[in-house]
Structures are given as C-alpha cells and as structure tokens.
Amino acid sequence: GLVQPGGSLRLSCAASGSIGSLNGMGWYRQGP
C-alpha cells in the first residue's frame, strides 16, 4: 500500500502446494 515516510507496513505471503518447509523462503523487491 501507500505509507508516509517513517510509517510501517506488514506484508504476508501464504504458500500452498508441496513446499515442505518455510526454509528457503524470502522477500525480494524491485524498485523503478
């Protein structure tokens, strides 16, 4: 979402399928 500088957000990622465990999961980003 949109937030002001200094603010906070929480992202969630729900996984489904044959993933085994949550090890090896993470977050990436791509700015303009």
PDB file of all heavy atoms in Angstrom:
ATOM      1  N   GLY A   1       0.813  -1.204   0.000  1.00  0.00           N
ATOM      2  CA  GLY A   1       0.000   0.000   0.000  1.00  0.00           C
ATOM      3  C   GLY A   1       0.845   1.251   0.000  1.00  0.00           C
ATOM      4  O   GLY A   1       2.055   1.204  -0.221  1.00  0.00           O
ATOM      5  N   LEU A   2       0.175   2.361   0.259  1.00  0.00           N
ATOM      6  CA  LEU A   2       0.820   3.672   0.325  1.00  0.00           C
ATOM      7  C   LEU A   2       1.007   4.064   1.790  1.00  0.00           C
ATOM      8  O   LEU A   2       0.064   3.967   2.583  1.00  0.00           O
ATOM      9  CB  LEU A   2      -0.052   4.708  -0.387  1.00  0.00           C
ATOM     10  CG  LEU A   2       0.376   6.171  -0.271  1.00  0.00           C
ATOM     11  CD1 LEU A   2       1.727   6.393  -0.947  1.00  0.00           C
ATOM     12  CD2 LEU A   2      -0.691   7.074  -0.877  1.00  0.00           C
ATOM     13  N   VAL A   3       2.211   4.475   2.130  1.00  0.00           N
ATOM     14  CA  VAL A   3       2.506   4.856   3.505  1.00  0.00           C
ATOM     15  C   VAL A   3       3.440   6.058   3.486  1.00  0.00           C
ATOM     16  O   VAL A   3       4.229   6.229   2.544  1.00  0.00           O
ATOM     17  CB  VAL A   3       3.131   3.670   4.277  1.00  0.00           C
ATOM     18  CG1 VAL A   3       4.470   3.268   3.683  1.00  0.00           C
ATOM     19  CG2 VAL A   3       3.250   3.958   5.756  1.00  0.00           C
ATOM     20  N   GLN A   4       3.343   6.887   4.514  1.00  0.00           N
ATOM     21  CA  GLN A   4       4.212   8.056   4.614  1.00  0.00           C
ATOM     22  C   GLN A   4       5.590   7.651   5.114  1.00  0.00           C
ATOM     23  O   GLN A   4       5.733   6.625   5.805  1.00  0.00           O
ATOM     24  CB  GLN A   4       3.593   9.084   5.553  1.00  0.00           C
ATOM     25  CG  GLN A   4       2.330   9.720   5.022  1.00  0.00           C
ATOM     26  CD  GLN A   4       1.842  10.850   5.903  1.00  0.00           C
ATOM     27  OE1 GLN A   4       2.233  10.966   7.065  1.00  0.00           O
ATOM     28  NE2 GLN A   4       1.004  11.699   5.345  1.00  0.00           N
ATOM     29  N   PRO A   5       6.601   8.425   4.791  1.00  0.00           N
ATOM     30  CA  PRO A   5       7.938   8.140   5.347  1.00  0.00           C
ATOM     31  C   PRO A   5       7.889   8.048   6.862  1.00  0.00           C
ATOM     32  O   PRO A   5       7.211   8.842   7.526  1.00  0.00           O
ATOM     33  CB  PRO A   5       8.760   9.355   4.884  1.00  0.00           C
ATOM     34  CG  PRO A   5       8.091   9.799   3.635  1.00  0.00           C
ATOM     35  CD  PRO A   5       6.621   9.565   3.859  1.00  0.00           C
ATOM     36  N   GLY A   6       8.590   7.056   7.375  1.00  0.00           N
ATOM     37  CA  GLY A   6       8.582   6.788   8.806  1.00  0.00           C
ATOM     38  C   GLY A   6       7.495   5.834   9.251  1.00  0.00           C
ATOM     39  O   GLY A   6       7.486   5.397  10.412  1.00  0.00           O
ATOM     40  N   GLY A   7       6.590   5.505   8.344  1.00  0.00           N
ATOM     41  CA  GLY A   7       5.491   4.617   8.685  1.00  0.00           C
ATOM     42  C   GLY A   7       5.863   3.145   8.612  1.00  0.00           C
ATOM     43  O   GLY A   7       7.026   2.784   8.374  1.00  0.00           O
ATOM     44  N   SER A   8       4.859   2.305   8.823  1.00  0.00           N
ATOM     45  CA  SER A   8       5.065   0.857   8.862  1.00  0.00           C
ATOM     46  C   SER A   8       4.043   0.140   7.993  1.00  0.00           C
ATOM     47  O   SER A   8       2.924   0.634   7.799  1.00  0.00           O
ATOM     48  CB  SER A   8       4.938   0.343  10.297  1.00  0.00           C
ATOM     49  OG  SER A   8       5.916   0.914  11.142  1.00  0.00           O
ATOM     50  N   LEU A   9       4.445  -1.019   7.510  1.00  0.00           N
ATOM     51  CA  LEU A   9       3.559  -1.938   6.802  1.00  0.00           C
ATOM     52  C   LEU A   9       3.994  -3.355   7.124  1.00  0.00           C
ATOM     53  O   LEU A   9       5.173  -3.590   7.433  1.00  0.00           O
ATOM     54  CB  LEU A   9       3.646  -1.740   5.279  1.00  0.00           C
ATOM     55  CG  LEU A   9       2.910  -0.580   4.621  1.00  0.00           C
ATOM     56  CD1 LEU A   9       3.252  -0.529   3.141  1.00  0.00           C
ATOM     57  CD2 LEU A   9       1.411  -0.686   4.825  1.00  0.00           C
ATOM     58  N   ARG A  10       3.049  -4.278   7.030  1.00  0.00           N
ATOM     59  CA  ARG A  10       3.390  -5.689   7.175  1.00  0.00           C
ATOM     60  C   ARG A  10       2.895  -6.431   5.946  1.00  0.00           C
ATOM     61  O   ARG A  10       1.698  -6.388   5.620  1.00  0.00           O
ATOM     62  CB  ARG A  10       2.791  -6.304   8.435  1.00  0.00           C
ATOM     63  CG  ARG A  10       3.336  -7.710   8.683  1.00  0.00           C
ATOM     64  CD  ARG A  10       2.833  -8.326   9.973  1.00  0.00           C
ATOM     65  NE  ARG A  10       1.517  -8.938   9.823  1.00  0.00           N
ATOM     66  CZ  ARG A  10       1.103  -9.957  10.561  1.00  0.00           C
ATOM     67  NH1 ARG A  10       1.904 -10.491  11.487  1.00  0.00           N
ATOM     68  NH2 ARG A  10      -0.121 -10.433  10.392  1.00  0.00           N
ATOM     69  N   LEU A  11       3.812  -7.112   5.299  1.00  0.00           N
ATOM     70  CA  LEU A  11       3.475  -7.941   4.153  1.00  0.00           C
ATOM     71  C   LEU A  11       3.314  -9.388   4.598  1.00  0.00           C
ATOM     72  O   LEU A  11       4.000  -9.839   5.517  1.00  0.00           O
ATOM     73  CB  LEU A  11       4.568  -7.865   3.089  1.00  0.00           C
ATOM     74  CG  LEU A  11       4.970  -6.474   2.595  1.00  0.00           C
ATOM     75  CD1 LEU A  11       6.027  -6.592   1.514  1.00  0.00           C
ATOM     76  CD2 LEU A  11       3.778  -5.689   2.119  1.00  0.00           C
ATOM     77  N   SER A  12       2.421 -10.099   3.918  1.00  0.00           N
ATOM     78  CA  SER A  12       2.219 -11.520   4.179  1.00  0.00           C
ATOM     79  C   SER A  12       2.382 -12.291   2.881  1.00  0.00           C
ATOM     80  O   SER A  12       2.065 -11.789   1.797  1.00  0.00           O
ATOM     81  CB  SER A  12       0.814 -11.774   4.723  1.00  0.00           C
ATOM     82  OG  SER A  12       0.591 -11.081   5.923  1.00  0.00           O
ATOM     83  N   CYS A  13       2.860 -13.516   2.992  1.00  0.00           N
ATOM     84  CA  CYS A  13       2.962 -14.413   1.845  1.00  0.00           C
ATOM     85  C   CYS A  13       2.493 -15.789   2.277  1.00  0.00           C
ATOM     86  O   CYS A  13       3.159 -16.437   3.096  1.00  0.00           O
ATOM     87  CB  CYS A  13       4.383 -14.485   1.313  1.00  0.00           C
ATOM     88  SG  CYS A  13       4.594 -15.718   0.005  1.00  0.00           S
ATOM     89  N   ALA A  14       1.370 -16.206   1.728  1.00  0.00           N
ATOM     90  CA  ALA A  14       0.823 -17.520   2.039  1.00  0.00           C
ATOM     91  C   ALA A  14       1.239 -18.492   0.947  1.00  0.00           C
ATOM     92  O   ALA A  14       1.008 -18.235  -0.240  1.00  0.00           O
ATOM     93  CB  ALA A  14      -0.694 -17.439   2.138  1.00  0.00           C
ATOM     94  N   ALA A  15       1.832 -19.604   1.367  1.00  0.00           N
ATOM     95  CA  ALA A  15       2.308 -20.614   0.425  1.00  0.00           C
ATOM     96  C   ALA A  15       1.382 -21.817   0.445  1.00  0.00           C
ATOM     97  O   ALA A  15       0.887 -22.216   1.502  1.00  0.00           O
ATOM     98  CB  ALA A  15       3.727 -21.040   0.790  1.00  0.00           C
ATOM     99  N   SER A  16       1.169 -22.396  -0.724  1.00  0.00           N
ATOM    100  CA  SER A  16       0.387 -23.622  -0.820  1.00  0.00           C
ATOM    101  C   SER A  16       1.078 -24.563  -1.799  1.00  0.00           C
ATOM    102  O   SER A  16       1.897 -24.156  -2.613  1.00  0.00           O
ATOM    103  CB  SER A  16      -1.044 -23.325  -1.267  1.00  0.00           C
ATOM    104  OG  SER A  16      -1.048 -22.722  -2.541  1.00  0.00           O
ATOM    105  N   GLY A  17       0.709 -25.834  -1.692  1.00  0.00           N
ATOM    106  CA  GLY A  17       1.340 -26.837  -2.539  1.00  0.00           C
ATOM    107  C   GLY A  17       2.409 -27.601  -1.774  1.00  0.00           C
ATOM    108  O   GLY A  17       2.532 -27.484  -0.555  1.00  0.00           O
ATOM    109  N   SER A  18       3.231 -28.315  -2.489  1.00  0.00           N
ATOM    110  CA  SER A  18       4.251 -29.176  -1.885  1.00  0.00           C
ATOM    111  C   SER A  18       5.511 -28.367  -1.597  1.00  0.00           C
ATOM    112  O   SER A  18       6.496 -28.427  -2.341  1.00  0.00           O
ATOM    113  CB  SER A  18       4.564 -30.347  -2.809  1.00  0.00           C
ATOM    114  OG  SER A  18       3.399 -31.106  -3.072  1.00  0.00           O
ATOM    115  N   ILE A  19       5.491 -27.609  -0.498  1.00  0.00           N
ATOM    116  CA  ILE A  19       6.629 -26.750  -0.209  1.00  0.00           C
ATOM    117  C   ILE A  19       7.575 -27.360   0.815  1.00  0.00           C
ATOM    118  O   ILE A  19       8.701 -26.936   0.955  1.00  0.00           O
ATOM    119  CB  ILE A  19       6.173 -25.361   0.271  1.00  0.00           C
ATOM    120  CG1 ILE A  19       5.433 -25.470   1.603  1.00  0.00           C
ATOM    121  CG2 ILE A  19       5.306 -24.674  -0.780  1.00  0.00           C
ATOM    122  CD1 ILE A  19       5.195 -24.116   2.251  1.00  0.00           C
ATOM    123  N   GLY A  20       7.135 -28.340   1.561  1.00  0.00           N
ATOM    124  CA  GLY A  20       7.996 -28.986   2.555  1.00  0.00           C
ATOM    125  C   GLY A  20       8.100 -28.170   3.827  1.00  0.00           C
ATOM    126  O   GLY A  20       7.510 -28.503   4.829  1.00  0.00           O
ATOM    127  N   SER A  21       8.863 -27.080   3.765  1.00  0.00           N
ATOM    128  CA  SER A  21       9.012 -26.214   4.929  1.00  0.00           C
ATOM    129  C   SER A  21       9.125 -24.783   4.427  1.00  0.00           C
ATOM    130  O   SER A  21       9.182 -24.535   3.213  1.00  0.00           O
ATOM    131  CB  SER A  21      10.250 -26.587   5.748  1.00  0.00           C
ATOM    132  OG  SER A  21      11.424 -26.046   5.161  1.00  0.00           O
ATOM    133  N   LEU A  22       9.179 -23.851   5.373  1.00  0.00           N
ATOM    134  CA  LEU A  22       9.292 -22.436   5.003  1.00  0.00           C
ATOM    135  C   LEU A  22      10.753 -22.004   4.863  1.00  0.00           C
ATOM    136  O   LEU A  22      11.018 -20.857   4.491  1.00  0.00           O
ATOM    137  CB  LEU A  22       8.584 -21.560   6.036  1.00  0.00           C
ATOM    138  CG  LEU A  22       7.083 -21.800   6.159  1.00  0.00           C
ATOM    139  CD1 LEU A  22       6.492 -20.848   7.201  1.00  0.00           C
ATOM    140  CD2 LEU A  22       6.373 -21.622   4.830  1.00  0.00           C
ATOM    141  N   ASN A  23      11.691 -22.895   5.156  1.00  0.00           N
ATOM    142  CA  ASN A  23      13.093 -22.559   4.919  1.00  0.00           C
ATOM    143  C   ASN A  23      13.311 -22.361   3.421  1.00  0.00           C
ATOM    144  O   ASN A  23      12.728 -23.054   2.595  1.00  0.00           O
ATOM    145  CB  ASN A  23      14.005 -23.645   5.457  1.00  0.00           C
ATOM    146  CG  ASN A  23      14.017 -23.691   6.967  1.00  0.00           C
ATOM    147  OD1 ASN A  23      13.637 -22.729   7.633  1.00  0.00           O
ATOM    148  ND2 ASN A  23      14.441 -24.807   7.529  1.00  0.00           N
ATOM    149  N   GLY A  24      14.148 -21.414   3.087  1.00  0.00           N
ATOM    150  CA  GLY A  24      14.369 -21.107   1.676  1.00  0.00           C
ATOM    151  C   GLY A  24      13.353 -20.138   1.113  1.00  0.00           C
ATOM    152  O   GLY A  24      13.340 -19.883  -0.097  1.00  0.00           O
ATOM    153  N   MET A  25      12.496 -19.571   1.950  1.00  0.00           N
ATOM    154  CA  MET A  25      11.535 -18.559   1.510  1.00  0.00           C
ATOM    155  C   MET A  25      12.008 -17.186   1.918  1.00  0.00           C
ATOM    156  O   MET A  25      12.700 -17.027   2.926  1.00  0.00           O
ATOM    157  CB  MET A  25      10.156 -18.822   2.118  1.00  0.00           C
ATOM    158  CG  MET A  25       9.406 -19.946   1.444  1.00  0.00           C
ATOM    159  SD  MET A  25       7.679 -20.037   1.993  1.00  0.00           S
ATOM    160  CE  MET A  25       7.002 -18.549   1.252  1.00  0.00           C
ATOM    161  N   GLY A  26      11.606 -16.198   1.150  1.00  0.00           N
ATOM    162  CA  GLY A  26      12.023 -14.853   1.483  1.00  0.00           C
ATOM    163  C   GLY A  26      11.320 -13.810   0.641  1.00  0.00           C
ATOM    164  O   GLY A  26      10.370 -14.112  -0.084  1.00  0.00           O
ATOM    165  N   TRP A  27      11.805 -12.597   0.786  1.00  0.00           N
ATOM    166  CA  TRP A  27      11.246 -11.432   0.107  1.00  0.00           C
ATOM    167  C   TRP A  27      12.306 -10.769  -0.759  1.00  0.00           C
ATOM    168  O   TRP A  27      13.440 -10.572  -0.318  1.00  0.00           O
ATOM    169  CB  TRP A  27      10.738 -10.419   1.126  1.00  0.00           C
ATOM    170  CG  TRP A  27       9.575 -10.893   1.925  1.00  0.00           C
ATOM    171  CD1 TRP A  27       9.599 -11.488   3.155  1.00  0.00           C
ATOM    172  CD2 TRP A  27       8.198 -10.814   1.544  1.00  0.00           C
ATOM    173  NE1 TRP A  27       8.332 -11.788   3.552  1.00  0.00           N
ATOM    174  CE2 TRP A  27       7.440 -11.384   2.580  1.00  0.00           C
ATOM    175  CE3 TRP A  27       7.521 -10.316   0.431  1.00  0.00           C
ATOM    176  CZ2 TRP A  27       6.052 -11.463   2.547  1.00  0.00           C
ATOM    177  CZ3 TRP A  27       6.147 -10.397   0.382  1.00  0.00           C
ATOM    178  CH2 TRP A  27       5.427 -10.969   1.431  1.00  0.00           C
ATOM    179  N   TYR A  28      11.897 -10.409  -1.968  1.00  0.00           N
ATOM    180  CA  TYR A  28      12.703  -9.608  -2.876  1.00  0.00           C
ATOM    181  C   TYR A  28      11.901  -8.352  -3.217  1.00  0.00           C
ATOM    182  O   TYR A  28      10.702  -8.293  -2.988  1.00  0.00           O
ATOM    183  CB  TYR A  28      13.003 -10.381  -4.167  1.00  0.00           C
ATOM    184  CG  TYR A  28      14.041 -11.457  -4.018  1.00  0.00           C
ATOM    185  CD1 TYR A  28      13.773 -12.617  -3.304  1.00  0.00           C
ATOM    186  CD2 TYR A  28      15.299 -11.322  -4.606  1.00  0.00           C
ATOM    187  CE1 TYR A  28      14.729 -13.617  -3.184  1.00  0.00           C
ATOM    188  CE2 TYR A  28      16.262 -12.317  -4.492  1.00  0.00           C
ATOM    189  CZ  TYR A  28      15.956 -13.457  -3.773  1.00  0.00           C
ATOM    190  OH  TYR A  28      16.914 -14.442  -3.648  1.00  0.00           O
ATOM    191  N   ARG A  29      12.571  -7.385  -3.786  1.00  0.00           N
ATOM    192  CA  ARG A  29      11.872  -6.188  -4.248  1.00  0.00           C
ATOM    193  C   ARG A  29      12.507  -5.656  -5.522  1.00  0.00           C
ATOM    194  O   ARG A  29      13.693  -5.901  -5.778  1.00  0.00           O
ATOM    195  CB  ARG A  29      11.855  -5.107  -3.177  1.00  0.00           C
ATOM    196  CG  ARG A  29      13.213  -4.509  -2.860  1.00  0.00           C
ATOM    197  CD  ARG A  29      13.097  -3.511  -1.694  1.00  0.00           C
ATOM    198  NE  ARG A  29      14.393  -2.933  -1.342  1.00  0.00           N
ATOM    199  CZ  ARG A  29      14.589  -2.141  -0.287  1.00  0.00           C
ATOM    200  NH1 ARG A  29      13.567  -1.833   0.520  1.00  0.00           N
ATOM    201  NH2 ARG A  29      15.800  -1.651  -0.048  1.00  0.00           N
ATOM    202  N   GLN A  30      11.704  -4.938  -6.277  1.00  0.00           N
ATOM    203  CA  GLN A  30      12.195  -4.308  -7.492  1.00  0.00           C
ATOM    204  C   GLN A  30      11.642  -2.896  -7.557  1.00  0.00           C
ATOM    205  O   GLN A  30      10.435  -2.703  -7.738  1.00  0.00           O
ATOM    206  CB  GLN A  30      11.805  -5.105  -8.736  1.00  0.00           C
ATOM    207  CG  GLN A  30      12.432  -4.582 -10.003  1.00  0.00           C
ATOM    208  CD  GLN A  30      12.341  -5.559 -11.153  1.00  0.00           C
ATOM    209  OE1 GLN A  30      11.570  -6.516 -11.126  1.00  0.00           O
ATOM    210  NE2 GLN A  30      13.162  -5.352 -12.191  1.00  0.00           N
ATOM    211  N   GLY A  31      12.541  -1.930  -7.390  1.00  0.00           N
ATOM    212  CA  GLY A  31      12.154  -0.530  -7.477  1.00  0.00           C
ATOM    213  C   GLY A  31      12.161  -0.060  -8.917  1.00  0.00           C
ATOM    214  O   GLY A  31      12.681  -0.736  -9.803  1.00  0.00           O
ATOM    215  N   PRO A  32      11.610   1.121  -9.155  1.00  0.00           N
ATOM    216  CA  PRO A  32      11.549   1.665 -10.517  1.00  0.00           C
ATOM    217  C   PRO A  32      12.939   1.797 -11.132  1.00  0.00           C
ATOM    218  O   PRO A  32      13.823   2.428 -10.560  1.00  0.00           O
ATOM    219  CB  PRO A  32      10.915   3.044 -10.308  1.00  0.00           C
ATOM    220  CG  PRO A  32      10.206   2.960  -8.997  1.00  0.00           C
ATOM    221  CD  PRO A  32      10.990   2.006  -8.165  1.00  0.00           C
TER     222      PRO A  32
END
